[in-house]
Amino acid sequence: MRTIIQLCLLIAGMTLVGCGNQSIIEGQPATDNGISEKEELEVWHTYSEQETYVFENIIIPLFEQDYPNIRIRSVRQSYNAQLKSTIIGRASMNKPPDVVRMDIAWVPTLAKLQLLYPVSQFGDFEEVKERLYEAPLEVSYYNGNYYGIPLNTNTKAAIYNRELLKRSGYDRPPETMKELMDVIEKQQLTIAVQDVSPWETLHYFYGLGGMLMDPSYTHAQGYLDSEESINAVKKLLELHKKGHFAPHILRGNANTWQGVVDGAYFMIDDGPWFYSVHSDDYIEHINERTVVAPFPISGGKRAILGGENLVISKGSKHPEAAWTFVKWMTEIRPQTYLAETGLIPSNKNVDLSSIYGDKPYFKTYVESLEEVVVRPPVAQWPKIEEVYIYYFRLIFSETMSVEEGLKEAAVKIDELLIEKEGK
């Protein structure tokens, strides 16, 4: 696959004009997809430089070759909170992009604001749904409809310092949360948890027996403030006080990636970008110094789910063409090209065996996708996340007791959840 990508990039560099901003196919008959004249779709994305190159110089030309009556205008955006505000602002001006690649956690919020087209209303949605991993798709479900299609997915794997693992007496990485707790406490080791946000701590909280809210995501009281959750957070606090979590947990990242490679930390849990953003030579160095394994399991769950979805703006003037593009992006061919850049496909039928040879760490992430912890797919999640961080900071700084903090947090979250489904 790498050879194919390199050849395509060479050809693309010599022959393509406009880097995806205009079609290279002219005068070909339109595919019979219900679209009778040329339509232009404005597609916003947050791909990295390498990902953007593949998207604009390989994937878009392939799509325009299959669908010559649809032109794709690629617009790269910065991945930050301002992007969400920009999407909302453009929608209010009735000038939204047609398609947006966005964080999976944003979808319910924008769906509640009625800014997204319900893709489950397209006639062939169920057919497309069958090819996708279940958990990433679940996050797009809101108020009876699906409002997005997972484009790429990810989770976190456990990355151990090889020498410290060997010194601990383990000939393999810990398989369960209990084993992980035993080894770090007995050997006085430190885990590089970067902060107290849900992305960094929710899977530890769940792995130790806690639960944020009920399975239907309607209330937190009785779950977040339950005895099991209190005990889980008390354990996290104990680990923090004894130095088993990196000391900067209340201040934010302090070069934790390098710390686990150098041996300052026993383990870090992170996404595939831990590897993919580096050069091949440095990835080889990382592999020499570390061991990657699935995040330790507990209660059938491992690490937190991440990823990006493709959504269609409700104000798009070309919803059928947009759906044609969105579902095409989940087909095996484009998904395979993007996988070569380090993005995990959402299509579970993509053959990744050749990619595993170049990226052996990739398999660990893919095999963990059936056992992920899902952030609650509710429109109020951004505000709930703020409540979670606020009270975990108070608890970890010992400004508030675990019991008091979780009780107040549960009440605050339930106040937010009352807004769910427009109540």
Protein backbone atom coordinates (compact mmCIF):
# COMPACT_ATOMS: atom_id res chain seq x y z
CA MET A 1 0.00 0.00 0.00
CA ARG A 2 2.82 2.42 0.83
CA THR A 3 4.26 1.88 -2.68
CA ILE A 4 0.84 2.56 -4.20
CA ILE A 5 0.45 5.74 -2.15
CA GLN A 6 3.92 6.97 -3.12
CA LEU A 7 3.25 6.28 -6.82
CA CYS A 8 -0.12 8.06 -6.64
CA LEU A 9 1.45 11.03 -4.90
CA LEU A 10 4.11 11.27 -7.60
CA ILE A 11 1.52 11.12 -10.37
CA ALA A 12 -0.71 13.56 -8.50
CA GLY A 13 2.12 16.03 -8.08
CA MET A 14 2.78 15.99 -11.84
CA THR A 15 -0.79 16.02 -13.14
CA LEU A 16 -3.30 17.46 -10.71
CA VAL A 17 -4.36 21.09 -10.73
CA GLY A 18 -5.88 22.88 -7.76
CA CYS A 19 -5.24 20.19 -5.13
CA GLY A 20 -8.83 19.00 -4.93
CA ASN A 21 -10.41 22.41 -5.45
CA GLN A 22 -11.49 21.53 -8.97
CA SER A 23 -12.23 18.34 -10.84
CA ILE A 24 -9.62 16.89 -13.17
CA ILE A 25 -12.24 14.92 -15.06
CA GLU A 26 -14.06 16.86 -17.76
CA GLY A 27 -16.60 15.75 -20.34
CA GLN A 28 -17.41 12.37 -18.78
CA PRO A 29 -21.03 11.24 -18.45
CA ALA A 30 -22.59 11.55 -15.01
CA THR A 31 -23.06 8.40 -12.97
CA ASP A 32 -26.73 7.56 -12.48
CA ASN A 33 -27.08 8.88 -8.92
CA GLY A 34 -30.06 11.20 -9.29
CA ILE A 35 -27.84 14.25 -9.95
CA SER A 36 -28.38 15.77 -13.39
CA GLU A 37 -26.00 18.73 -13.43
CA LYS A 38 -22.64 19.63 -11.97
CA GLU A 39 -22.80 20.59 -8.29
CA GLU A 40 -20.02 21.91 -6.07
CA LEU A 41 -19.73 20.77 -2.46
CA GLU A 42 -17.78 22.78 0.07
CA VAL A 43 -16.15 20.28 2.43
CA TRP A 44 -14.55 21.46 5.66
CA HIS A 45 -12.00 19.21 7.33
CA THR A 46 -9.26 19.26 9.92
CA TYR A 47 -6.83 16.81 8.35
CA SER A 48 -3.14 17.10 9.09
CA GLU A 49 -0.76 18.20 6.35
CA GLN A 50 -0.04 14.65 5.23
CA GLU A 51 -3.70 13.63 5.47
CA THR A 52 -4.75 16.72 3.52
CA TYR A 53 -2.31 15.90 0.73
CA VAL A 54 -3.76 12.41 0.35
CA PHE A 55 -7.33 13.71 0.63
CA GLU A 56 -6.91 16.45 -1.95
CA ASN A 57 -4.56 14.73 -4.41
CA ILE A 58 -5.74 11.12 -4.33
CA ILE A 59 -9.16 10.76 -2.75
CA ILE A 60 -10.98 13.76 -4.23
CA PRO A 61 -9.82 12.99 -7.80
CA LEU A 62 -10.97 9.37 -7.34
CA PHE A 63 -14.39 10.56 -6.19
CA GLU A 64 -14.71 13.08 -9.02
CA GLN A 65 -13.76 10.33 -11.46
CA ASP A 66 -16.60 8.17 -10.10
CA TYR A 67 -19.00 11.14 -9.93
CA PRO A 68 -17.93 13.71 -12.56
CA ASN A 69 -21.02 15.84 -11.94
CA ILE A 70 -19.95 16.59 -8.38
CA ARG A 71 -17.03 18.92 -7.71
CA ILE A 72 -15.39 18.96 -4.26
CA ARG A 73 -13.97 22.18 -2.84
CA SER A 74 -11.70 21.23 0.04
CA VAL A 75 -11.33 23.75 2.89
CA ARG A 76 -8.87 22.91 5.64
CA GLN A 77 -9.75 24.29 9.07
CA SER A 78 -7.87 24.46 12.37
CA TYR A 79 -9.01 21.89 14.88
CA ASN A 80 -10.11 23.94 17.90
CA ALA A 81 -13.20 25.10 19.77
CA GLN A 82 -13.49 28.11 17.46
CA LEU A 83 -14.34 25.78 14.57
CA LYS A 84 -17.63 24.84 16.23
CA SER A 85 -18.49 28.53 16.65
CA THR A 86 -17.59 29.17 13.01
CA ILE A 87 -19.91 26.38 11.86
CA ILE A 88 -22.75 27.83 13.94
CA GLY A 89 -22.03 31.34 12.67
CA ARG A 90 -22.01 30.29 9.03
CA ALA A 91 -25.29 28.44 9.52
CA SER A 92 -26.91 31.55 11.02
CA MET A 93 -25.85 33.45 7.88
CA ASN A 94 -27.36 30.68 5.72
CA LYS A 95 -23.92 29.99 4.25
CA PRO A 96 -22.89 26.69 5.83
CA PRO A 97 -20.40 24.30 4.27
CA ASP A 98 -22.11 21.31 2.70
CA VAL A 99 -20.10 18.67 4.53
CA VAL A 100 -17.96 18.92 7.68
CA ARG A 101 -15.55 16.47 9.23
CA MET A 102 -15.91 17.04 12.98
CA ASP A 103 -15.18 15.46 16.35
CA ILE A 104 -17.73 12.78 17.20
CA ALA A 105 -18.53 14.52 20.51
CA TRP A 106 -19.81 17.63 18.67
CA VAL A 107 -22.55 15.89 16.71
CA PRO A 108 -25.38 15.73 19.31
CA THR A 109 -24.86 19.41 20.22
CA LEU A 110 -25.14 20.61 16.62
CA ALA A 111 -28.01 18.21 15.97
CA LYS A 112 -29.96 19.74 18.84
CA LEU A 113 -29.37 23.17 17.30
CA GLN A 114 -30.97 21.77 14.12
CA LEU A 115 -27.86 22.49 12.07
CA LEU A 116 -27.35 18.95 10.76
CA TYR A 117 -29.22 16.89 8.19
CA PRO A 118 -30.51 13.54 9.57
CA VAL A 119 -28.58 11.10 7.37
CA SER A 120 -30.70 8.16 8.54
CA GLN A 121 -33.50 9.56 6.38
CA PHE A 122 -31.65 8.66 3.17
CA GLY A 123 -33.07 5.50 1.63
CA ASP A 124 -29.82 3.50 1.61
CA PHE A 125 -28.65 4.52 5.10
CA GLU A 126 -29.19 1.05 6.56
CA GLU A 127 -26.97 -0.44 3.85
CA VAL A 128 -24.19 2.02 4.67
CA LYS A 129 -24.68 1.47 8.41
CA GLU A 130 -23.88 -2.24 8.07
CA ARG A 131 -20.28 -1.58 7.04
CA LEU A 132 -19.43 0.63 10.06
CA TYR A 133 -18.20 -0.07 13.58
CA GLU A 134 -21.12 0.11 16.01
CA ALA A 135 -19.67 2.31 18.79
CA PRO A 136 -18.57 5.25 16.58
CA LEU A 137 -21.98 5.19 14.88
CA GLU A 138 -23.80 5.25 18.25
CA VAL A 139 -22.40 8.69 19.04
CA SER A 140 -24.21 10.14 16.00
CA TYR A 141 -27.63 9.02 17.25
CA TYR A 142 -29.78 11.79 18.67
CA ASN A 143 -33.52 12.08 19.25
CA GLY A 144 -34.46 9.20 16.96
CA ASN A 145 -32.11 9.91 14.04
CA TYR A 146 -28.48 9.53 13.01
CA TYR A 147 -26.86 12.86 12.20
CA GLY A 148 -23.44 11.74 11.00
CA ILE A 149 -21.36 8.92 9.61
CA PRO A 150 -18.10 7.91 11.31
CA LEU A 151 -15.27 8.64 8.90
CA ASN A 152 -12.33 7.56 11.01
CA THR A 153 -12.27 6.28 14.54
CA ASN A 154 -9.76 5.84 17.33
CA THR A 155 -9.29 4.82 20.89
CA LYS A 156 -6.35 4.80 23.27
CA ALA A 157 -3.81 2.04 23.77
CA ALA A 158 -1.48 1.54 26.71
CA ILE A 159 2.15 2.32 25.82
CA TYR A 160 4.68 1.03 28.36
CA ASN A 161 8.34 1.80 28.82
CA ARG A 162 9.98 -1.48 27.85
CA GLU A 163 12.73 -1.39 30.49
CA LEU A 164 10.41 -0.48 33.36
CA LEU A 165 8.01 -3.23 32.32
CA LYS A 166 10.87 -5.71 32.40
CA ARG A 167 12.02 -4.51 35.83
CA SER A 168 8.50 -4.90 37.19
CA GLY A 169 8.76 -8.66 36.72
CA TYR A 170 6.12 -8.82 33.99
CA ASP A 171 6.92 -10.64 30.78
CA ARG A 172 3.84 -9.02 29.20
CA PRO A 173 1.84 -5.84 29.74
CA PRO A 174 -0.94 -5.94 32.37
CA GLU A 175 -4.16 -7.28 30.86
CA THR A 176 -6.63 -6.02 33.47
CA MET A 177 -7.10 -2.84 35.47
CA LYS A 178 -6.43 -4.81 38.65
CA GLU A 179 -3.09 -6.03 37.29
CA LEU A 180 -2.16 -2.45 36.34
CA MET A 181 -3.00 -1.16 39.81
CA ASP A 182 -1.03 -3.99 41.45
CA VAL A 183 2.13 -3.40 39.42
CA ILE A 184 2.28 0.38 39.81
CA GLU A 185 1.64 0.20 43.56
CA LYS A 186 4.07 -2.64 44.26
CA GLN A 187 6.82 -1.23 42.05
CA GLN A 188 6.19 2.47 42.86
CA LEU A 189 5.66 3.37 39.21
CA THR A 190 4.03 6.44 37.63
CA ILE A 191 1.40 6.66 34.90
CA ALA A 192 1.47 9.70 32.60
CA VAL A 193 -2.16 10.82 32.89
CA GLN A 194 -2.03 14.29 31.35
CA ASP A 195 -4.96 16.03 33.09
CA VAL A 196 -8.32 15.32 34.78
CA SER A 197 -10.49 15.68 31.66
CA PRO A 198 -12.81 12.81 30.63
CA TRP A 199 -10.52 12.03 27.68
CA GLU A 200 -7.71 11.33 30.17
CA THR A 201 -9.54 9.86 33.18
CA LEU A 202 -13.00 8.55 32.27
CA HIS A 203 -11.75 5.07 31.33
CA TYR A 204 -9.77 4.84 34.61
CA PHE A 205 -12.91 5.91 36.48
CA TYR A 206 -15.00 3.27 34.68
CA GLY A 207 -12.23 0.69 34.98
CA LEU A 208 -12.24 1.08 38.76
CA GLY A 209 -16.00 0.58 38.96
CA GLY A 210 -17.39 4.09 38.50
CA MET A 211 -20.20 5.19 36.19
CA LEU A 212 -21.02 8.69 35.00
CA MET A 213 -24.74 8.24 34.32
CA ASP A 214 -27.39 5.62 33.59
CA PRO A 215 -27.17 3.51 30.41
CA SER A 216 -29.80 5.61 28.63
CA TYR A 217 -27.96 8.85 29.48
CA THR A 218 -30.91 10.48 31.26
CA HIS A 219 -29.49 11.17 34.75
CA ALA A 220 -26.29 11.12 36.81
CA GLN A 221 -27.69 11.01 40.35
CA GLY A 222 -27.54 7.49 41.65
CA TYR A 223 -24.61 6.74 39.33
CA LEU A 224 -21.93 9.42 39.56
CA ASP A 225 -22.54 9.77 43.31
CA SER A 226 -23.03 6.03 43.95
CA GLU A 227 -20.86 4.06 46.38
CA GLU A 228 -19.08 2.40 43.46
CA SER A 229 -18.23 5.75 41.85
CA ILE A 230 -17.13 7.24 45.18
CA ASN A 231 -14.77 4.30 45.74
CA ALA A 232 -13.41 4.62 42.19
CA VAL A 233 -12.60 8.32 42.62
CA LYS A 234 -11.13 7.70 46.07
CA LYS A 235 -8.79 5.20 44.44
CA LEU A 236 -7.82 7.73 41.76
CA LEU A 237 -7.18 10.35 44.44
CA GLU A 238 -5.07 7.89 46.43
CA LEU A 239 -2.98 7.11 43.35
CA HIS A 240 -2.49 10.82 42.77
CA LYS A 241 -1.46 11.52 46.38
CA LYS A 242 1.03 8.63 46.36
CA GLY A 243 2.68 9.85 43.16
CA HIS A 244 1.38 7.15 40.81
CA PHE A 245 0.01 9.81 38.47
CA ALA A 246 2.29 12.37 36.83
CA PRO A 247 2.55 15.42 39.15
CA HIS A 248 1.30 17.86 36.50
CA ILE A 249 -2.17 16.27 36.33
CA LEU A 250 -3.78 19.49 37.61
CA ARG A 251 -1.69 21.71 35.35
CA GLY A 252 -1.78 19.87 32.04
CA ASN A 253 0.67 18.08 29.75
CA ALA A 254 4.35 18.26 30.67
CA ASN A 255 6.09 16.35 27.86
CA THR A 256 4.55 13.00 28.80
CA TRP A 257 5.29 11.43 25.41
CA GLN A 258 9.03 11.84 25.82
CA GLY A 259 8.74 10.83 29.48
CA VAL A 260 7.43 7.36 28.69
CA VAL A 261 10.03 6.87 25.94
CA ASP A 262 12.85 7.95 28.27
CA GLY A 263 11.61 5.94 31.25
CA ALA A 264 10.37 8.76 33.49
CA TYR A 265 6.91 7.17 33.32
CA PHE A 266 5.89 3.51 33.32
CA MET A 267 2.93 3.94 30.99
CA ILE A 268 0.88 6.42 29.01
CA ASP A 269 -2.41 5.79 27.25
CA ASP A 270 -2.78 7.64 23.98
CA GLY A 271 -4.12 7.46 20.45
CA PRO A 272 -2.34 6.25 17.29
CA TRP A 273 -0.99 9.77 16.73
CA PHE A 274 1.57 8.92 19.42
CA TYR A 275 3.28 7.17 16.49
CA SER A 276 1.85 8.56 13.27
CA VAL A 277 2.97 12.19 13.74
CA HIS A 278 6.62 11.11 13.88
CA SER A 279 9.11 10.15 11.18
CA ASP A 280 9.73 6.48 10.42
CA ASP A 281 13.14 6.69 12.12
CA TYR A 282 11.68 8.06 15.33
CA ILE A 283 8.85 5.51 15.30
CA GLU A 284 11.55 2.84 15.15
CA HIS A 285 13.18 4.46 18.19
CA ILE A 286 9.81 4.50 20.01
CA ASN A 287 9.27 0.82 19.25
CA GLU A 288 12.70 -0.01 20.66
CA ARG A 289 11.97 1.79 23.92
CA THR A 290 8.28 0.99 24.43
CA VAL A 291 5.67 -1.78 24.22
CA VAL A 292 2.11 -1.11 23.02
CA ALA A 293 -0.86 -3.14 24.27
CA PRO A 294 -4.64 -2.79 24.60
CA PHE A 295 -5.63 -0.61 27.53
CA PRO A 296 -6.27 -2.90 30.55
CA ILE A 297 -9.79 -4.26 30.51
CA SER A 298 -12.38 -4.05 33.29
CA GLY A 299 -16.05 -4.92 33.06
CA GLY A 300 -15.68 -5.60 29.34
CA LYS A 301 -14.46 -2.07 28.62
CA ARG A 302 -11.04 -0.63 27.83
CA ALA A 303 -10.22 2.95 26.78
CA ILE A 304 -12.29 5.90 25.63
CA LEU A 305 -13.59 6.26 22.07
CA GLY A 306 -12.55 9.12 19.80
CA GLY A 307 -12.74 9.91 16.12
CA GLU A 308 -14.28 12.17 13.50
CA ASN A 309 -17.61 12.05 11.69
CA LEU A 310 -18.80 13.40 8.39
CA VAL A 311 -21.98 15.44 8.74
CA ILE A 312 -24.18 17.25 6.24
CA SER A 313 -25.27 20.80 7.02
CA LYS A 314 -29.04 21.14 7.16
CA GLY A 315 -28.69 24.31 5.09
CA SER A 316 -26.82 22.56 2.28
CA LYS A 317 -28.34 23.26 -1.11
CA HIS A 318 -27.03 19.88 -2.33
CA PRO A 319 -28.02 17.25 0.27
CA GLU A 320 -28.24 14.36 -2.20
CA ALA A 321 -24.82 15.12 -3.66
CA ALA A 322 -23.45 15.57 -0.13
CA TRP A 323 -24.81 12.16 0.89
CA THR A 324 -23.25 10.63 -2.23
CA PHE A 325 -19.87 11.97 -1.12
CA VAL A 326 -20.29 11.09 2.56
CA LYS A 327 -21.21 7.46 1.95
CA TRP A 328 -18.51 7.10 -0.73
CA MET A 329 -15.92 8.21 1.84
CA THR A 330 -16.77 5.15 3.95
CA GLU A 331 -16.10 2.74 1.10
CA ILE A 332 -13.05 0.48 1.22
CA ARG A 333 -10.92 2.35 -1.33
CA PRO A 334 -10.84 5.84 0.27
CA GLN A 335 -10.77 4.31 3.75
CA THR A 336 -7.69 2.29 2.84
CA TYR A 337 -5.82 5.32 1.51
CA LEU A 338 -6.55 7.31 4.67
CA ALA A 339 -5.53 4.34 6.84
CA GLU A 340 -2.07 4.56 5.28
CA THR A 341 -1.71 8.02 6.86
CA GLY A 342 -2.42 6.57 10.31
CA LEU A 343 -6.20 7.09 10.53
CA ILE A 344 -8.19 4.08 11.72
CA PRO A 345 -11.00 3.27 9.26
CA SER A 346 -14.64 3.34 10.36
CA ASN A 347 -15.40 0.64 7.78
CA LYS A 348 -14.85 -2.67 9.57
CA ASN A 349 -14.38 -4.52 6.27
CA VAL A 350 -11.14 -2.74 5.29
CA ASP A 351 -8.24 -5.19 4.98
CA LEU A 352 -5.45 -3.72 7.09
CA SER A 353 -3.02 -6.64 6.93
CA SER A 354 -0.59 -4.82 4.63
CA ILE A 355 -0.72 -1.70 6.81
CA TYR A 356 0.09 -3.74 9.92
CA GLY A 357 3.46 -4.53 8.35
CA ASP A 358 4.41 -0.84 8.15
CA LYS A 359 2.52 0.17 11.30
CA PRO A 360 2.55 -2.78 13.75
CA TYR A 361 1.04 -0.61 16.50
CA PHE A 362 -2.08 -0.14 14.35
CA LYS A 363 -3.45 -3.60 15.10
CA THR A 364 -3.63 -2.93 18.83
CA TYR A 365 -5.92 0.05 18.30
CA VAL A 366 -8.17 -1.70 15.80
CA GLU A 367 -8.61 -4.75 18.04
CA SER A 368 -9.69 -2.51 20.93
CA LEU A 369 -12.60 -0.86 19.09
CA GLU A 370 -15.21 -3.40 20.21
CA GLU A 371 -14.54 -2.69 23.91
CA VAL A 372 -14.46 1.09 24.13
CA VAL A 373 -15.87 3.50 26.70
CA VAL A 374 -18.26 5.90 24.93
CA ARG A 375 -18.67 9.47 26.09
CA PRO A 376 -22.42 10.08 26.58
CA PRO A 377 -23.88 11.09 23.19
CA VAL A 378 -26.00 13.94 24.55
CA ALA A 379 -26.28 17.50 23.30
CA GLN A 380 -25.19 18.85 26.69
CA TRP A 381 -21.89 16.95 26.66
CA PRO A 382 -19.62 20.04 26.34
CA LYS A 383 -21.20 21.53 29.48
CA ILE A 384 -21.18 18.17 31.28
CA GLU A 385 -17.48 17.86 30.47
CA GLU A 386 -16.88 21.25 32.11
CA VAL A 387 -18.72 20.08 35.25
CA TYR A 388 -16.66 16.87 35.31
CA ILE A 389 -13.36 18.74 35.03
CA TYR A 390 -14.38 21.40 37.60
CA TYR A 391 -15.27 18.90 40.33
CA PHE A 392 -12.42 16.50 39.60
CA ARG A 393 -10.04 19.45 40.01
CA LEU A 394 -11.61 20.30 43.37
CA ILE A 395 -11.36 16.67 44.45
CA PHE A 396 -7.78 16.13 43.26
CA SER A 397 -6.64 19.37 44.88
CA GLU A 398 -8.43 18.22 48.08
CA THR A 399 -10.48 21.40 48.12
CA MET A 400 -13.62 19.24 48.32
CA SER A 401 -14.24 15.70 49.55
CA VAL A 402 -14.93 12.94 47.05
CA GLU A 403 -18.46 12.43 48.36
CA GLU A 404 -19.35 16.11 48.30
CA GLY A 405 -17.77 16.71 44.91
CA LEU A 406 -19.51 13.81 43.17
CA LYS A 407 -22.85 14.63 44.78
CA GLU A 408 -22.72 18.24 43.58
CA ALA A 409 -21.46 17.20 40.14
CA ALA A 410 -24.33 14.71 39.75
CA VAL A 411 -26.89 17.40 40.60
CA LYS A 412 -25.33 19.87 38.15
CA ILE A 413 -25.26 17.27 35.38
CA ASP A 414 -28.90 16.36 35.94
CA GLU A 415 -29.83 20.02 35.69
CA LEU A 416 -28.16 20.06 32.29
CA LEU A 417 -29.79 16.82 31.20
CA ILE A 418 -33.26 18.22 31.82
CA GLU A 419 -32.69 20.13 28.59
CA LYS A 420 -32.30 16.85 26.70
CA GLU A 421 -34.69 16.25 23.81
CA GLY A 422 -35.96 19.82 24.20
CA LYS A 423 -37.53 19.31 27.66
